[in-house]
Amino acid sequence: MKNGIHGWYRLGIVLSAVWVVSLVAYVVYESQRSEFEKRYFFDSIPSLAYHSGTSDDPIPLESKFRLRVFFIALSIPLIVGWLPAVGLAIVRWVRRGFEHEEEKA
C-alpha cells in the first residue's frame, strides 16, 4: 500500500457501499408491502384499537421496524470482510517491521 489505498481495499469499500444501499432499498421496499408480506425487517403485530370484536372480522396488523435485525444485517460486511482484511494488514505490517530490523543487523 505504498500509493494510497490498495485495489482490494477499494473493492471492499465499493462492495460495502453497494451492500448498504441495497439493504436500505430493500427495507424501503418491504415497508411498502402489505402487512402479511413483511418478513425480515418488520414485525406484524395485531392492532386491537381498530378491531370490532367479532370473530369474523380480520384483525388489522401494524408494522414494527426491527432495528436490531437491521443493524445485524448492516454489520455483515464488517464481520465477514473487513475484520479479516484489517487483521491480515496488521499481521503484514508487523512482519515488515521485523524484516527491517533484520536488514539493519
Protein backbone atom coordinates (compact mmCIF):
# COMPACT_ATOMS: atom_id res chain seq x y z
CA MET A 1 0.00 0.00 0.00
CA LYS A 2 2.67 2.50 -0.98
CA ASN A 3 0.47 4.76 -3.09
CA GLY A 4 -2.92 5.24 -1.47
CA ILE A 5 -5.49 2.58 -0.93
CA HIS A 6 -4.72 -0.84 -2.36
CA GLY A 7 -7.10 -2.20 -5.01
CA TRP A 8 -8.60 -4.84 -2.72
CA TYR A 9 -9.49 -2.21 -0.12
CA ARG A 10 -11.13 -0.10 -2.82
CA LEU A 11 -13.14 -3.12 -3.91
CA GLY A 12 -14.15 -3.69 -0.28
CA ILE A 13 -15.29 -0.09 0.05
CA VAL A 14 -17.36 -0.31 -3.14
CA LEU A 15 -18.92 -3.64 -2.15
CA SER A 16 -19.73 -2.34 1.34
CA ALA A 17 -21.40 0.74 -0.15
CA VAL A 18 -23.40 -1.43 -2.54
CA TRP A 19 -24.46 -3.62 0.41
CA VAL A 20 -25.65 -0.63 2.47
CA VAL A 21 -27.56 0.93 -0.44
CA SER A 22 -29.14 -2.42 -1.35
CA LEU A 23 -30.12 -3.11 2.25
CA VAL A 24 -31.74 0.31 2.69
CA ALA A 25 -33.54 -0.10 -0.65
CA TYR A 26 -34.90 -3.47 0.47
CA VAL A 27 -36.09 -2.02 3.79
CA VAL A 28 -37.94 0.72 1.89
CA TYR A 29 -39.40 -1.89 -0.49
CA GLU A 30 -40.51 -4.09 2.39
CA SER A 31 -42.07 -1.14 4.22
CA GLN A 32 -44.33 -0.53 1.21
CA ARG A 33 -45.61 -4.11 1.09
CA SER A 34 -48.80 -5.30 2.74
CA GLU A 35 -48.68 -6.30 6.38
CA PHE A 36 -48.93 -10.01 5.50
CA GLU A 37 -45.91 -9.88 3.14
CA LYS A 38 -43.41 -8.27 5.51
CA ARG A 39 -40.89 -10.82 6.70
CA TYR A 40 -37.41 -9.69 7.65
CA PHE A 41 -37.23 -6.14 8.94
CA PHE A 42 -40.79 -5.63 10.14
CA ASP A 43 -42.92 -7.46 12.68
CA SER A 44 -46.64 -7.53 12.02
CA ILE A 45 -48.40 -7.08 15.34
CA PRO A 46 -52.16 -7.12 15.91
CA SER A 47 -53.80 -3.74 16.22
CA LEU A 48 -56.64 -4.14 18.68
CA ALA A 49 -57.50 -0.44 18.61
CA TYR A 50 -59.49 -0.85 15.40
CA HIS A 51 -60.85 -4.36 15.97
CA SER A 52 -64.62 -4.56 16.23
CA GLY A 53 -64.50 -7.59 18.49
CA THR A 54 -66.36 -10.14 16.37
CA SER A 55 -64.51 -13.28 15.42
CA ASP A 56 -65.40 -12.94 11.72
CA ASP A 57 -63.52 -9.66 11.26
CA PRO A 58 -59.84 -9.97 10.38
CA ILE A 59 -57.57 -8.34 12.90
CA PRO A 60 -55.75 -5.39 11.33
CA LEU A 61 -51.99 -5.50 11.65
CA GLU A 62 -49.46 -2.78 12.35
CA SER A 63 -45.79 -2.84 11.40
CA LYS A 64 -42.96 -2.53 13.85
CA PHE A 65 -39.47 -1.97 12.48
CA ARG A 66 -36.93 -4.49 13.79
CA LEU A 67 -33.92 -2.23 14.35
CA ARG A 68 -31.78 -4.98 15.87
CA VAL A 69 -32.19 -7.18 12.79
CA PHE A 70 -31.36 -4.21 10.57
CA PHE A 71 -28.10 -3.50 12.44
CA ILE A 72 -27.12 -7.16 12.34
CA ALA A 73 -27.67 -7.24 8.58
CA LEU A 74 -25.81 -3.96 8.21
CA SER A 75 -22.78 -5.35 10.08
CA ILE A 76 -22.39 -8.50 7.96
CA PRO A 77 -19.75 -6.93 5.63
CA LEU A 78 -17.84 -5.66 8.68
CA ILE A 79 -17.69 -9.09 10.26
CA VAL A 80 -17.19 -11.17 7.11
CA GLY A 81 -14.90 -8.94 5.09
CA TRP A 82 -13.35 -6.07 6.96
CA LEU A 83 -12.21 -7.73 10.19
CA PRO A 84 -10.17 -10.42 8.41
CA ALA A 85 -8.78 -7.86 5.94
CA VAL A 86 -7.69 -5.49 8.70
CA GLY A 87 -6.28 -8.41 10.69
CA LEU A 88 -4.23 -9.52 7.69
CA ALA A 89 -2.97 -5.97 7.11
CA ILE A 90 -1.86 -5.75 10.76
CA VAL A 91 -0.01 -9.08 10.53
CA ARG A 92 1.77 -7.93 7.35
CA TRP A 93 2.64 -4.58 8.95
CA VAL A 94 4.17 -6.28 12.00
CA ARG A 95 6.07 -8.73 9.78
CA ARG A 96 7.52 -5.83 7.72
CA GLY A 97 8.70 -4.22 10.95
CA PHE A 98 10.72 -7.30 11.81
CA GLU A 99 12.14 -7.55 8.28
CA HIS A 100 13.60 -4.02 8.53
CA GLU A 101 15.28 -4.85 11.86
CA GLU A 102 16.96 -7.91 10.31
CA GLU A 103 18.33 -5.81 7.40
CA LYS A 104 19.97 -3.34 9.82
CA ALA A 105 21.80 -6.06 11.77
